[in-house]
Amino acid sequence: MSPALLTIGFLLAVTFCYIGLCAASPFGDCRKCRGWGFAMKIDRRGRTKRGKDCRRCKATGKRIRVGRHLYNVAARLHRDGTR
């Protein structure tokens, strides 16, 4: 097989795996707080303490995946266009 066909097959496999991941688990961990929902602070004694709530995920620790967001936008556009 030619390298171009292998590359296309590999990219299709990665795409379908990501689509399956978005369908099975539409939410992933927040990249800013790493899924904790808050920032970690270190006090003067060197102990770690809970910091402020994460503003990006609103202290849930979860975010919507990019693929799921694109699907939601397309579904909303289709639903609004066919009413």
C-alpha atoms as a PDB file:
ATOM      1  CA  MET A   1       0.000   0.000   0.000  1.00  0.00           C
ATOM      2  CA  SER A   2       1.152   3.505  -0.654  1.00  0.00           C
ATOM      3  CA  PRO A   3       2.021   5.833   2.220  1.00  0.00           C
ATOM      4  CA  ALA A   4      -0.789   8.193   1.222  1.00  0.00           C
ATOM      5  CA  LEU A   5      -3.432   5.480   1.707  1.00  0.00           C
ATOM      6  CA  LEU A   6      -1.936   4.511   5.054  1.00  0.00           C
ATOM      7  CA  THR A   7      -2.006   8.130   6.172  1.00  0.00           C
ATOM      8  CA  ILE A   8      -5.615   8.570   5.091  1.00  0.00           C
ATOM      9  CA  GLY A   9      -6.613   5.354   6.847  1.00  0.00           C
ATOM     10  CA  PHE A  10      -4.823   6.405  10.022  1.00  0.00           C
ATOM     11  CA  LEU A  11      -6.472   9.849  10.020  1.00  0.00           C
ATOM     12  CA  LEU A  12      -9.902   8.296   9.471  1.00  0.00           C
ATOM     13  CA  ALA A  13      -9.331   5.879  12.349  1.00  0.00           C
ATOM     14  CA  VAL A  14      -8.276   8.714  14.685  1.00  0.00           C
ATOM     15  CA  THR A  15     -11.288  10.792  13.614  1.00  0.00           C
ATOM     16  CA  PHE A  16     -13.777   7.992  14.236  1.00  0.00           C
ATOM     17  CA  CYS A  17     -12.194   7.219  17.620  1.00  0.00           C
ATOM     18  CA  TYR A  18     -12.560  10.874  18.631  1.00  0.00           C
ATOM     19  CA  ILE A  19     -16.186  10.895  17.455  1.00  0.00           C
ATOM     20  CA  GLY A  20     -16.810   7.818  19.588  1.00  0.00           C
ATOM     21  CA  LEU A  21     -15.110   9.460  22.560  1.00  0.00           C
ATOM     22  CA  CYS A  22     -17.250  12.594  22.180  1.00  0.00           C
ATOM     23  CA  ALA A  23     -20.397  10.481  21.986  1.00  0.00           C
ATOM     24  CA  ALA A  24     -19.502   8.334  24.999  1.00  0.00           C
ATOM     25  CA  SER A  25     -18.017  11.068  27.193  1.00  0.00           C
ATOM     26  CA  PRO A  26     -18.982  14.585  26.041  1.00  0.00           C
ATOM     27  CA  PHE A  27     -17.214  16.276  28.962  1.00  0.00           C
ATOM     28  CA  GLY A  28     -13.495  16.197  29.711  1.00  0.00           C
ATOM     29  CA  ASP A  29     -11.367  17.583  32.510  1.00  0.00           C
ATOM     30  CA  CYS A  30     -10.799  21.327  32.574  1.00  0.00           C
ATOM     31  CA  ARG A  31      -7.341  22.169  31.272  1.00  0.00           C
ATOM     32  CA  LYS A  32      -6.845  25.121  33.597  1.00  0.00           C
ATOM     33  CA  CYS A  33      -7.588  23.438  36.926  1.00  0.00           C
ATOM     34  CA  ARG A  34      -6.878  19.861  35.716  1.00  0.00           C
ATOM     35  CA  GLY A  35     -10.347  18.687  36.743  1.00  0.00           C
ATOM     36  CA  TRP A  36     -10.148  19.834  40.377  1.00  0.00           C
ATOM     37  CA  GLY A  37     -12.469  22.835  40.038  1.00  0.00           C
ATOM     38  CA  PHE A  38     -10.132  25.137  41.923  1.00  0.00           C
ATOM     39  CA  ALA A  39      -6.554  26.314  41.943  1.00  0.00           C
ATOM     40  CA  MET A  40      -4.043  25.059  44.486  1.00  0.00           C
ATOM     41  CA  LYS A  41      -2.233  27.575  46.672  1.00  0.00           C
ATOM     42  CA  ILE A  42       0.769  27.135  48.911  1.00  0.00           C
ATOM     43  CA  ASP A  43       0.613  28.964  52.222  1.00  0.00           C
ATOM     44  CA  ARG A  44       3.569  30.446  54.090  1.00  0.00           C
ATOM     45  CA  ARG A  45       4.286  27.171  55.865  1.00  0.00           C
ATOM     46  CA  GLY A  46       4.579  25.312  52.559  1.00  0.00           C
ATOM     47  CA  ARG A  47       1.335  23.384  52.831  1.00  0.00           C
ATOM     48  CA  THR A  48      -1.005  23.189  49.886  1.00  0.00           C
ATOM     49  CA  LYS A  49      -4.415  24.734  50.350  1.00  0.00           C
ATOM     50  CA  ARG A  50      -7.498  25.127  48.250  1.00  0.00           C
ATOM     51  CA  GLY A  51      -7.418  28.341  46.234  1.00  0.00           C
ATOM     52  CA  LYS A  52     -10.082  30.211  44.326  1.00  0.00           C
ATOM     53  CA  ASP A  53     -12.719  28.497  42.224  1.00  0.00           C
ATOM     54  CA  CYS A  54     -11.852  28.025  38.556  1.00  0.00           C
ATOM     55  CA  ARG A  55     -13.596  30.621  36.408  1.00  0.00           C
ATOM     56  CA  ARG A  56     -13.225  28.660  33.177  1.00  0.00           C
ATOM     57  CA  CYS A  57     -15.250  25.628  34.293  1.00  0.00           C
ATOM     58  CA  LYS A  58     -17.239  27.443  37.048  1.00  0.00           C
ATOM     59  CA  ALA A  59     -15.777  25.129  39.719  1.00  0.00           C
ATOM     60  CA  THR A  60     -17.161  21.941  38.150  1.00  0.00           C
ATOM     61  CA  GLY A  61     -13.824  20.618  36.927  1.00  0.00           C
ATOM     62  CA  LYS A  62     -15.381  19.630  33.603  1.00  0.00           C
ATOM     63  CA  ARG A  63     -15.477  21.241  30.168  1.00  0.00           C
ATOM     64  CA  ILE A  64     -17.271  20.314  26.972  1.00  0.00           C
ATOM     65  CA  ARG A  65     -15.080  18.696  24.330  1.00  0.00           C
ATOM     66  CA  VAL A  66     -14.442  20.559  21.070  1.00  0.00           C
ATOM     67  CA  GLY A  67     -16.039  17.830  18.961  1.00  0.00           C
ATOM     68  CA  ARG A  68     -19.152  17.766  21.121  1.00  0.00           C
ATOM     69  CA  HIS A  69     -19.384  21.556  20.952  1.00  0.00           C
ATOM     70  CA  LEU A  70     -19.224  21.431  17.136  1.00  0.00           C
ATOM     71  CA  TYR A  71     -21.917  18.735  17.115  1.00  0.00           C
ATOM     72  CA  ASN A  72     -24.148  20.841  19.390  1.00  0.00           C
ATOM     73  CA  VAL A  73     -23.708  23.894  17.139  1.00  0.00           C
ATOM     74  CA  ALA A  74     -24.564  21.873  14.019  1.00  0.00           C
ATOM     75  CA  ALA A  75     -27.586  20.263  15.685  1.00  0.00           C
ATOM     76  CA  ARG A  76     -28.856  23.650  16.900  1.00  0.00           C
ATOM     77  CA  LEU A  77     -28.379  25.146  13.434  1.00  0.00           C
ATOM     78  CA  HIS A  78     -30.259  22.272  11.821  1.00  0.00           C
ATOM     79  CA  ARG A  79     -33.048  22.397  14.408  1.00  0.00           C
ATOM     80  CA  ASP A  80     -33.502  26.164  14.022  1.00  0.00           C
ATOM     81  CA  GLY A  81     -33.397  25.930  10.227  1.00  0.00           C
ATOM     82  CA  THR A  82     -36.068  23.256   9.937  1.00  0.00           C
ATOM     83  CA  ARG A  83     -38.679  24.849  12.196  1.00  0.00           C
END
